[in-house]
PDB file of N, CA and C in Angstrom:
ATOM      1  N   MET A   1     198.375 110.844 -43.845  1.00  0.00           N
ATOM      2  CA  MET A   1     199.593 110.470 -43.161  1.00  0.00           C
ATOM      3  C   MET A   1     200.752 111.278 -43.855  1.00  0.00           C
ATOM      4  N   GLY A   2     201.051 112.246 -43.165  1.00  0.00           N
ATOM      5  CA  GLY A   2     202.071 113.023 -43.835  1.00  0.00           C
ATOM      6  C   GLY A   2     203.415 113.103 -43.040  1.00  0.00           C
ATOM      7  N   VAL A   3     204.450 113.442 -43.636  1.00  0.00           N
ATOM      8  CA  VAL A   3     205.783 113.517 -42.872  1.00  0.00           C
ATOM      9  C   VAL A   3     205.882 114.938 -42.331  1.00  0.00           C
ATOM     10  N   HIS A   4     206.278 115.015 -41.116  1.00  0.00           N
ATOM     11  CA  HIS A   4     206.458 116.390 -40.352  1.00  0.00           C
ATOM     12  C   HIS A   4     207.771 116.827 -40.541  1.00  0.00           C
ATOM     13  N   PHE A   5     208.041 117.562 -41.527  1.00  0.00           N
ATOM     14  CA  PHE A   5     209.295 118.115 -41.885  1.00  0.00           C
ATOM     15  C   PHE A   5     209.746 119.230 -40.917  1.00  0.00           C
ATOM     16  N   PRO A   6     208.915 120.012 -40.428  1.00  0.00           N
ATOM     17  CA  PRO A   6     209.225 120.975 -39.454  1.00  0.00           C
ATOM     18  C   PRO A   6     209.870 120.416 -38.385  1.00  0.00           C
ATOM     19  N   SER A   7     209.311 119.358 -37.781  1.00  0.00           N
ATOM     20  CA  SER A   7     209.959 118.698 -36.470  1.00  0.00           C
ATOM     21  C   SER A   7     211.256 118.115 -36.813  1.00  0.00           C
ATOM     22  N   MET A   8     211.421 117.463 -37.889  1.00  0.00           N
ATOM     23  CA  MET A   8     212.668 116.811 -38.298  1.00  0.00           C
ATOM     24  C   MET A   8     213.762 117.945 -38.545  1.00  0.00           C
ATOM     25  N   ALA A   9     213.385 119.045 -39.046  1.00  0.00           N
ATOM     26  CA  ALA A   9     214.281 120.155 -39.357  1.00  0.00           C
ATOM     27  C   ALA A   9     214.676 120.801 -38.021  1.00  0.00           C
ATOM     28  N   LEU A  10     213.807 120.883 -37.032  1.00  0.00           N
ATOM     29  CA  LEU A  10     214.048 121.363 -35.748  1.00  0.00           C
ATOM     30  C   LEU A  10     215.099 120.502 -35.137  1.00  0.00           C
ATOM     31  N   LYS A  11     214.837 119.193 -35.114  1.00  0.00           N
ATOM     32  CA  LYS A  11     215.780 118.310 -34.458  1.00  0.00           C
ATOM     33  C   LYS A  11     217.210 118.289 -35.121  1.00  0.00           C
ATOM     34  N   ALA A  12     217.188 118.340 -36.537  1.00  0.00           N
ATOM     35  CA  ALA A  12     218.432 118.640 -37.209  1.00  0.00           C
ATOM     36  C   ALA A  12     219.205 119.837 -36.780  1.00  0.00           C
ATOM     37  N   LYS A  13     218.479 121.028 -36.508  1.00  0.00           N
ATOM     38  CA  LYS A  13     219.138 122.280 -36.216  1.00  0.00           C
ATOM     39  C   LYS A  13     219.691 122.154 -34.781  1.00  0.00           C
ATOM     40  N   GLN A  14     218.878 121.383 -33.876  1.00  0.00           N
ATOM     41  CA  GLN A  14     219.391 121.270 -32.469  1.00  0.00           C
ATOM     42  C   GLN A  14     220.690 120.433 -32.526  1.00  0.00           C
ATOM     43  N   ILE A  15     220.680 119.361 -33.273  1.00  0.00           N
ATOM     44  CA  ILE A  15     221.874 118.433 -33.303  1.00  0.00           C
ATOM     45  C   ILE A  15     223.073 119.313 -33.810  1.00  0.00           C
ATOM     46  N   PHE A  16     222.816 120.033 -34.980  1.00  0.00           N
ATOM     47  CA  PHE A  16     223.814 120.733 -35.580  1.00  0.00           C
ATOM     48  C   PHE A  16     224.453 121.832 -34.579  1.00  0.00           C
ATOM     49  N   LYS A  17     223.555 122.430 -33.810  1.00  0.00           N
ATOM     50  CA  LYS A  17     224.036 123.510 -32.919  1.00  0.00           C
ATOM     51  C   LYS A  17     224.859 122.816 -31.719  1.00  0.00           C
ATOM     52  N   LEU A  18     224.373 121.758 -31.233  1.00  0.00           N
ATOM     53  CA  LEU A  18     225.152 121.026 -30.329  1.00  0.00           C
ATOM     54  C   LEU A  18     226.547 120.646 -30.834  1.00  0.00           C
ATOM     55  N   HIS A  19     226.520 120.036 -31.987  1.00  0.00           N
ATOM     56  CA  HIS A  19     227.725 119.625 -32.708  1.00  0.00           C
ATOM     57  C   HIS A  19     228.809 120.929 -32.673  1.00  0.00           C
ATOM     58  N   SER A  20     228.273 122.004 -33.195  1.00  0.00           N
ATOM     59  CA  SER A  20     229.115 123.092 -33.349  1.00  0.00           C
ATOM     60  C   SER A  20     229.524 123.618 -31.967  1.00  0.00           C
ATOM     61  N   LEU A  21     228.915 123.591 -31.021  1.00  0.00           N
ATOM     62  CA  LEU A  21     229.293 124.078 -29.649  1.00  0.00           C
ATOM     63  C   LEU A  21     230.365 123.114 -29.186  1.00  0.00           C
ATOM     64  N   ILE A  22     230.219 121.855 -29.215  1.00  0.00           N
ATOM     65  CA  ILE A  22     231.242 120.934 -28.845  1.00  0.00           C
ATOM     66  C   ILE A  22     232.552 121.133 -29.666  1.00  0.00           C
ATOM     67  N   ASN A  23     232.447 121.288 -31.033  1.00  0.00           N
ATOM     68  CA  ASN A  23     233.639 121.561 -31.771  1.00  0.00           C
ATOM     69  C   ASN A  23     234.428 122.886 -31.478  1.00  0.00           C
ATOM     70  N   ARG A  24     233.561 123.859 -31.186  1.00  0.00           N
ATOM     71  CA  ARG A  24     233.984 125.256 -30.975  1.00  0.00           C
ATOM     72  C   ARG A  24     234.884 125.129 -29.664  1.00  0.00           C
ATOM     73  N   ASN A  25     234.378 124.564 -28.624  1.00  0.00           N
ATOM     74  CA  ASN A  25     235.154 124.435 -27.350  1.00  0.00           C
ATOM     75  C   ASN A  25     236.326 123.476 -27.532  1.00  0.00           C
ATOM     76  N   HIS A  26     236.273 122.369 -28.315  1.00  0.00           N
ATOM     77  CA  HIS A  26     237.395 121.565 -28.567  1.00  0.00           C
ATOM     78  C   HIS A  26     238.518 122.162 -29.259  1.00  0.00           C
ATOM     79  N   PHE A  27     238.276 122.960 -30.378  1.00  0.00           N
ATOM     80  CA  PHE A  27     239.368 123.541 -31.182  1.00  0.00           C
ATOM     81  C   PHE A  27     239.567 124.996 -30.849  1.00  0.00           C
ATOM     82  N   ASN A  28     239.025 125.546 -29.707  1.00  0.00           N
ATOM     83  CA  ASN A  28     239.086 126.790 -29.341  1.00  0.00           C
ATOM     84  C   ASN A  28     240.585 127.299 -29.353  1.00  0.00           C
ATOM     85  N   SER A  29     241.510 126.488 -28.965  1.00  0.00           N
ATOM     86  CA  SER A  29     242.907 126.850 -28.731  1.00  0.00           C
ATOM     87  C   SER A  29     243.590 127.022 -30.218  1.00  0.00           C
ATOM     88  N   VAL A  30     243.092 126.836 -31.241  1.00  0.00           N
ATOM     89  CA  VAL A  30     243.671 126.985 -32.567  1.00  0.00           C
ATOM     90  C   VAL A  30     242.884 128.073 -33.189  1.00  0.00           C
ATOM     91  N   PRO A  31     243.534 129.265 -33.419  1.00  0.00           N
ATOM     92  CA  PRO A  31     242.773 130.522 -33.967  1.00  0.00           C
ATOM     93  C   PRO A  31     242.586 130.256 -35.413  1.00  0.00           C
ATOM     94  N   LYS A  32     241.529 131.041 -35.934  1.00  0.00           N
ATOM     95  CA  LYS A  32     241.149 130.883 -37.300  1.00  0.00           C
ATOM     96  C   LYS A  32     242.523 131.256 -38.127  1.00  0.00           C
ATOM     97  N   GLY A  33     242.736 130.379 -39.127  1.00  0.00           N
ATOM     98  CA  GLY A  33     243.889 130.736 -40.135  1.00  0.00           C
ATOM     99  C   GLY A  33     245.109 130.076 -39.539  1.00  0.00           C
ATOM    100  N   HIS A  34     245.088 129.196 -38.659  1.00  0.00           N
ATOM    101  CA  HIS A  34     246.246 128.595 -38.025  1.00  0.00           C
ATOM    102  C   HIS A  34     246.038 127.153 -38.056  1.00  0.00           C
ATOM    103  N   LEU A  35     247.003 126.354 -37.765  1.00  0.00           N
ATOM    104  CA  LEU A  35     247.070 124.817 -37.755  1.00  0.00           C
ATOM    105  C   LEU A  35     248.013 124.443 -36.650  1.00  0.00           C
ATOM    106  N   ALA A  36     247.397 123.398 -35.842  1.00  0.00           N
ATOM    107  CA  ALA A  36     248.224 122.798 -34.686  1.00  0.00           C
ATOM    108  C   ALA A  36     249.059 121.613 -35.243  1.00  0.00           C
ATOM    109  N   VAL A  37     250.210 121.597 -34.888  1.00  0.00           N
ATOM    110  CA  VAL A  37     251.227 120.457 -35.375  1.00  0.00           C
ATOM    111  C   VAL A  37     251.841 119.865 -34.165  1.00  0.00           C
ATOM    112  N   TYR A  38     252.288 118.596 -34.166  1.00  0.00           N
ATOM    113  CA  TYR A  38     252.989 118.123 -33.141  1.00  0.00           C
ATOM    114  C   TYR A  38     254.464 117.939 -33.671  1.00  0.00           C
ATOM    115  N   VAL A  39     255.418 118.310 -32.830  1.00  0.00           N
ATOM    116  CA  VAL A  39     256.842 118.207 -33.307  1.00  0.00           C
ATOM    117  C   VAL A  39     257.768 117.652 -32.335  1.00  0.00           C
ATOM    118  N   GLY A  40     258.646 116.774 -32.709  1.00  0.00           N
ATOM    119  CA  GLY A  40     259.549 116.146 -31.923  1.00  0.00           C
ATOM    120  C   GLY A  40     259.964 114.834 -32.349  1.00  0.00           C
ATOM    121  N   GLU A  41     261.050 114.222 -31.962  1.00  0.00           N
ATOM    122  CA  GLU A  41     261.539 112.918 -32.284  1.00  0.00           C
ATOM    123  C   GLU A  41     260.980 111.833 -31.394  1.00  0.00           C
ATOM    124  N   THR A  42     260.995 112.135 -29.978  1.00  0.00           N
ATOM    125  CA  THR A  42     260.516 111.130 -29.087  1.00  0.00           C
ATOM    126  C   THR A  42     259.194 111.748 -28.420  1.00  0.00           C
ATOM    127  N   GLU A  43     259.558 112.770 -27.722  1.00  0.00           N
ATOM    128  CA  GLU A  43     258.356 113.491 -27.080  1.00  0.00           C
ATOM    129  C   GLU A  43     257.882 114.629 -27.906  1.00  0.00           C
ATOM    130  N   LYS A  44     256.567 114.507 -28.212  1.00  0.00           N
ATOM    131  CA  LYS A  44     255.952 115.553 -29.225  1.00  0.00           C
ATOM    132  C   LYS A  44     255.451 116.680 -28.434  1.00  0.00           C
ATOM    133  N   LYS A  45     255.760 118.040 -28.970  1.00  0.00           N
ATOM    134  CA  LYS A  45     255.357 119.105 -28.441  1.00  0.00           C
ATOM    135  C   LYS A  45     254.280 119.968 -29.407  1.00  0.00           C
ATOM    136  N   ARG A  46     253.264 120.358 -29.050  1.00  0.00           N
ATOM    137  CA  ARG A  46     252.144 120.958 -29.892  1.00  0.00           C
ATOM    138  C   ARG A  46     252.620 122.539 -30.238  1.00  0.00           C
ATOM    139  N   PHE A  47     252.499 122.880 -31.497  1.00  0.00           N
ATOM    140  CA  PHE A  47     252.829 124.133 -31.931  1.00  0.00           C
ATOM    141  C   PHE A  47     251.562 124.645 -32.765  1.00  0.00           C
ATOM    142  N   VAL A  48     251.260 125.832 -32.797  1.00  0.00           N
ATOM    143  CA  VAL A  48     250.233 126.376 -33.600  1.00  0.00           C
ATOM    144  C   VAL A  48     250.910 127.417 -34.595  1.00  0.00           C
ATOM    145  N   VAL A  49     250.859 127.047 -35.865  1.00  0.00           N
ATOM    146  CA  VAL A  49     251.319 127.859 -36.874  1.00  0.00           C
ATOM    147  C   VAL A  49     250.391 128.441 -37.846  1.00  0.00           C
ATOM    148  N   PRO A  50     250.763 129.506 -38.520  1.00  0.00           N
ATOM    149  CA  PRO A  50     249.857 130.186 -39.547  1.00  0.00           C
ATOM    150  C   PRO A  50     249.745 129.271 -40.730  1.00  0.00           C
ATOM    151  N   LEU A  51     248.521 129.216 -41.433  1.00  0.00           N
ATOM    152  CA  LEU A  51     248.304 128.339 -42.568  1.00  0.00           C
ATOM    153  C   LEU A  51     249.237 128.773 -43.774  1.00  0.00           C
ATOM    154  N   SER A  52     249.691 130.005 -43.768  1.00  0.00           N
ATOM    155  CA  SER A  52     250.537 130.610 -44.794  1.00  0.00           C
ATOM    156  C   SER A  52     251.869 129.876 -44.828  1.00  0.00           C
ATOM    157  N   TYR A  53     252.223 129.134 -43.823  1.00  0.00           N
ATOM    158  CA  TYR A  53     253.541 128.378 -43.686  1.00  0.00           C
ATOM    159  C   TYR A  53     253.334 127.278 -44.638  1.00  0.00           C
ATOM    160  N   LEU A  54     252.163 126.718 -44.874  1.00  0.00           N
ATOM    161  CA  LEU A  54     252.091 125.458 -45.617  1.00  0.00           C
ATOM    162  C   LEU A  54     252.505 125.663 -47.156  1.00  0.00           C
ATOM    163  N   SER A  55     252.599 127.028 -47.693  1.00  0.00           N
ATOM    164  CA  SER A  55     252.974 127.095 -49.005  1.00  0.00           C
ATOM    165  C   SER A  55     254.496 127.375 -49.171  1.00  0.00           C
ATOM    166  N   HIS A  56     255.122 127.442 -48.138  1.00  0.00           N
ATOM    167  CA  HIS A  56     256.722 127.629 -48.199  1.00  0.00           C
ATOM    168  C   HIS A  56     257.403 126.413 -48.503  1.00  0.00           C
ATOM    169  N   PRO A  57     258.254 126.268 -49.349  1.00  0.00           N
ATOM    170  CA  PRO A  57     259.053 125.069 -49.597  1.00  0.00           C
ATOM    171  C   PRO A  57     259.751 124.353 -48.562  1.00  0.00           C
ATOM    172  N   SER A  58     260.269 125.147 -47.610  1.00  0.00           N
ATOM    173  CA  SER A  58     260.950 124.536 -46.352  1.00  0.00           C
ATOM    174  C   SER A  58     259.900 123.712 -45.538  1.00  0.00           C
ATOM    175  N   PHE A  59     258.810 124.465 -45.319  1.00  0.00           N
ATOM    176  CA  PHE A  59     257.745 123.798 -44.503  1.00  0.00           C
ATOM    177  C   PHE A  59     257.068 122.467 -45.345  1.00  0.00           C
ATOM    178  N   GLN A  60     257.135 122.704 -46.621  1.00  0.00           N
ATOM    179  CA  GLN A  60     256.599 121.530 -47.368  1.00  0.00           C
ATOM    180  C   GLN A  60     257.506 120.316 -47.409  1.00  0.00           C
ATOM    181  N   ASP A  61     258.735 120.602 -47.144  1.00  0.00           N
ATOM    182  CA  ASP A  61     259.819 119.452 -46.918  1.00  0.00           C
ATOM    183  C   ASP A  61     259.589 118.702 -45.751  1.00  0.00           C
ATOM    184  N   LEU A  62     259.147 119.555 -44.593  1.00  0.00           N
ATOM    185  CA  LEU A  62     258.814 118.895 -43.403  1.00  0.00           C
ATOM    186  C   LEU A  62     257.588 118.003 -43.558  1.00  0.00           C
ATOM    187  N   LEU A  63     256.488 118.672 -44.297  1.00  0.00           N
ATOM    188  CA  LEU A  63     255.300 117.722 -44.438  1.00  0.00           C
ATOM    189  C   LEU A  63     255.558 116.545 -45.193  1.00  0.00           C
ATOM    190  N   SER A  64     256.460 116.531 -46.201  1.00  0.00           N
ATOM    191  CA  SER A  64     256.812 115.379 -46.943  1.00  0.00           C
ATOM    192  C   SER A  64     257.426 114.309 -46.014  1.00  0.00           C
ATOM    193  N   SER A  65     258.270 114.844 -45.148  1.00  0.00           N
ATOM    194  CA  SER A  65     258.923 113.800 -44.171  1.00  0.00           C
ATOM    195  C   SER A  65     257.942 113.158 -43.371  1.00  0.00           C
ATOM    196  N   ALA A  66     256.873 114.095 -43.003  1.00  0.00           N
ATOM    197  CA  ALA A  66     255.786 113.433 -42.089  1.00  0.00           C
ATOM    198  C   ALA A  66     254.973 112.472 -42.815  1.00  0.00           C
ATOM    199  N   GLU A  67     254.717 112.805 -44.131  1.00  0.00           N
ATOM    200  CA  GLU A  67     254.019 111.911 -44.922  1.00  0.00           C
ATOM    201  C   GLU A  67     254.792 110.498 -45.107  1.00  0.00           C
ATOM    202  N   GLU A  68     256.112 110.596 -45.310  1.00  0.00           N
ATOM    203  CA  GLU A  68     256.799 109.303 -45.523  1.00  0.00           C
ATOM    204  C   GLU A  68     256.891 108.486 -44.236  1.00  0.00           C
ATOM    205  N   GLU A  69     256.966 109.237 -43.091  1.00  0.00           N
ATOM    206  CA  GLU A  69     257.026 108.379 -41.740  1.00  0.00           C
ATOM    207  C   GLU A  69     255.658 107.896 -41.376  1.00  0.00           C
ATOM    208  N   PHE A  70     254.606 108.746 -41.397  1.00  0.00           N
ATOM    209  CA  PHE A  70     253.362 108.449 -40.842  1.00  0.00           C
ATOM    210  C   PHE A  70     252.187 108.175 -41.767  1.00  0.00           C
ATOM    211  N   GLY A  71     252.422 108.588 -42.964  1.00  0.00           N
ATOM    212  CA  GLY A  71     251.193 108.596 -43.874  1.00  0.00           C
ATOM    213  C   GLY A  71     249.977 109.343 -43.375  1.00  0.00           C
ATOM    214  N   PHE A  72     248.855 108.647 -43.277  1.00  0.00           N
ATOM    215  CA  PHE A  72     247.834 109.416 -42.662  1.00  0.00           C
ATOM    216  C   PHE A  72     247.400 108.879 -41.193  1.00  0.00           C
ATOM    217  N   ASN A  73     248.465 108.184 -40.631  1.00  0.00           N
ATOM    218  CA  ASN A  73     248.224 107.454 -39.301  1.00  0.00           C
ATOM    219  C   ASN A  73     249.200 108.251 -38.398  1.00  0.00           C
ATOM    220  N   HIS A  74     248.741 109.369 -38.012  1.00  0.00           N
ATOM    221  CA  HIS A  74     249.651 110.275 -36.911  1.00  0.00           C
ATOM    222  C   HIS A  74     249.273 109.753 -35.525  1.00  0.00           C
ATOM    223  N   PRO A  75     250.373 109.503 -34.767  1.00  0.00           N
ATOM    224  CA  PRO A  75     250.123 108.923 -33.475  1.00  0.00           C
ATOM    225  C   PRO A  75     249.385 109.888 -32.364  1.00  0.00           C
ATOM    226  N   LYS A  76     249.519 111.116 -32.604  1.00  0.00           N
ATOM    227  CA  LYS A  76     248.763 112.086 -31.637  1.00  0.00           C
ATOM    228  C   LYS A  76     247.476 112.366 -32.071  1.00  0.00           C
ATOM    229  N   GLY A  77     247.131 111.982 -33.332  1.00  0.00           N
ATOM    230  CA  GLY A  77     245.761 112.185 -33.818  1.00  0.00           C
ATOM    231  C   GLY A  77     245.699 113.581 -34.596  1.00  0.00           C
ATOM    232  N   GLY A  78     246.874 114.353 -34.518  1.00  0.00           N
ATOM    233  CA  GLY A  78     246.932 115.546 -35.331  1.00  0.00           C
ATOM    234  C   GLY A  78     248.125 115.328 -36.197  1.00  0.00           C
ATOM    235  N   LEU A  79     248.483 116.371 -36.984  1.00  0.00           N
ATOM    236  CA  LEU A  79     249.576 116.432 -37.900  1.00  0.00           C
ATOM    237  C   LEU A  79     250.851 116.367 -36.983  1.00  0.00           C
ATOM    238  N   THR A  80     251.634 115.314 -37.179  1.00  0.00           N
ATOM    239  CA  THR A  80     252.899 115.098 -36.419  1.00  0.00           C
ATOM    240  C   THR A  80     254.072 115.204 -37.473  1.00  0.00           C
ATOM    241  N   ILE A  81     255.106 116.090 -37.062  1.00  0.00           N
ATOM    242  CA  ILE A  81     256.205 116.356 -37.940  1.00  0.00           C
ATOM    243  C   ILE A  81     257.388 115.774 -37.174  1.00  0.00           C
ATOM    244  N   PRO A  82     257.991 114.861 -37.905  1.00  0.00           N
ATOM    245  CA  PRO A  82     259.252 114.127 -37.174  1.00  0.00           C
ATOM    246  C   PRO A  82     260.499 114.860 -37.409  1.00  0.00           C
ATOM    247  N   CYS A  83     260.824 115.840 -36.588  1.00  0.00           N
ATOM    248  CA  CYS A  83     262.044 116.550 -36.652  1.00  0.00           C
ATOM    249  C   CYS A  83     262.277 117.105 -35.195  1.00  0.00           C
ATOM    250  N   LYS A  84     263.562 117.494 -35.141  1.00  0.00           N
ATOM    251  CA  LYS A  84     263.992 118.037 -33.750  1.00  0.00           C
ATOM    252  C   LYS A  84     263.138 119.359 -33.536  1.00  0.00           C
ATOM    253  N   GLU A  85     262.805 119.506 -32.255  1.00  0.00           N
ATOM    254  CA  GLU A  85     262.089 120.756 -31.959  1.00  0.00           C
ATOM    255  C   GLU A  85     262.875 121.919 -32.208  1.00  0.00           C
ATOM    256  N   ASP A  86     264.155 121.965 -32.030  1.00  0.00           N
ATOM    257  CA  ASP A  86     264.998 123.115 -32.435  1.00  0.00           C
ATOM    258  C   ASP A  86     264.955 123.468 -33.768  1.00  0.00           C
ATOM    259  N   THR A  87     265.068 122.396 -34.674  1.00  0.00           N
ATOM    260  CA  THR A  87     264.907 122.663 -36.064  1.00  0.00           C
ATOM    261  C   THR A  87     263.791 123.244 -36.543  1.00  0.00           C
ATOM    262  N   PHE A  88     262.571 122.801 -35.970  1.00  0.00           N
ATOM    263  CA  PHE A  88     261.401 123.346 -36.278  1.00  0.00           C
ATOM    264  C   PHE A  88     261.205 124.726 -35.760  1.00  0.00           C
ATOM    265  N   ILE A  89     261.594 125.097 -34.741  1.00  0.00           N
ATOM    266  CA  ILE A  89     261.591 126.530 -34.050  1.00  0.00           C
ATOM    267  C   ILE A  89     262.537 127.379 -34.965  1.00  0.00           C
ATOM    268  N   ASN A  90     263.697 126.955 -35.366  1.00  0.00           N
ATOM    269  CA  ASN A  90     264.470 127.707 -36.325  1.00  0.00           C
ATOM    270  C   ASN A  90     263.935 127.975 -37.638  1.00  0.00           C
ATOM    271  N   LEU A  91     263.363 126.955 -38.058  1.00  0.00           N
ATOM    272  CA  LEU A  91     262.486 127.099 -39.566  1.00  0.00           C
ATOM    273  C   LEU A  91     261.418 128.078 -39.340  1.00  0.00           C
ATOM    274  N   THR A  92     260.607 127.944 -38.491  1.00  0.00           N
ATOM    275  CA  THR A  92     259.449 128.758 -38.268  1.00  0.00           C
ATOM    276  C   THR A  92     259.742 130.304 -37.961  1.00  0.00           C
ATOM    277  N   SER A  93     260.929 130.321 -37.195  1.00  0.00           N
ATOM    278  CA  SER A  93     261.326 131.817 -36.815  1.00  0.00           C
ATOM    279  C   SER A  93     261.858 132.496 -38.107  1.00  0.00           C
ATOM    280  N   ARG A  94     262.466 131.689 -39.111  1.00  0.00           N
ATOM    281  CA  ARG A  94     262.907 132.279 -40.488  1.00  0.00           C
ATOM    282  C   ARG A  94     261.653 132.676 -41.112  1.00  0.00           C
ATOM    283  N   LEU A  95     260.637 131.805 -41.306  1.00  0.00           N
ATOM    284  CA  LEU A  95     259.344 132.075 -41.851  1.00  0.00           C
ATOM    285  C   LEU A  95     258.676 133.318 -41.317  1.00  0.00           C
ATOM    286  N   THR A  96     258.699 133.393 -40.031  1.00  0.00           N
ATOM    287  CA  THR A  96     258.031 134.643 -39.477  1.00  0.00           C
ATOM    288  C   THR A  96     258.692 135.940 -39.871  1.00  0.00           C
ATOM    289  N   ASN A  97     259.938 135.876 -40.148  1.00  0.00           N
ATOM    290  CA  ASN A  97     260.657 137.025 -40.544  1.00  0.00           C
ATOM    291  C   ASN A  97     260.585 137.405 -42.013  1.00  0.00           C
ATOM    292  N   LEU A  98     259.954 136.604 -42.736  1.00  0.00           N
ATOM    293  CA  LEU A  98     259.881 136.810 -44.218  1.00  0.00           C
ATOM    294  C   LEU A  98     258.869 138.092 -44.638  1.00  0.00           C
TER     295      LEU A  98
END
């Protein structure tokens, strides 16, 4: 009475492959090295920004305000930044030009 590891391993590989296909299609709109964020005071708009922005002090200020307002419970399910869309665009355009 032995355990059949090859069949268990095959099933695990099939599940892993299916899971990665689902995730790849779901997150396909965010390129590698980027992060999707939702910005706005009332109506939220989705932006995709480079991960390098996370280390900039001005962007970290926005993240701190998001933490204060939402903690880990973001209404859109993704990272939500509570600021005016114009303010966010102004900041990110300055970061792009650095």
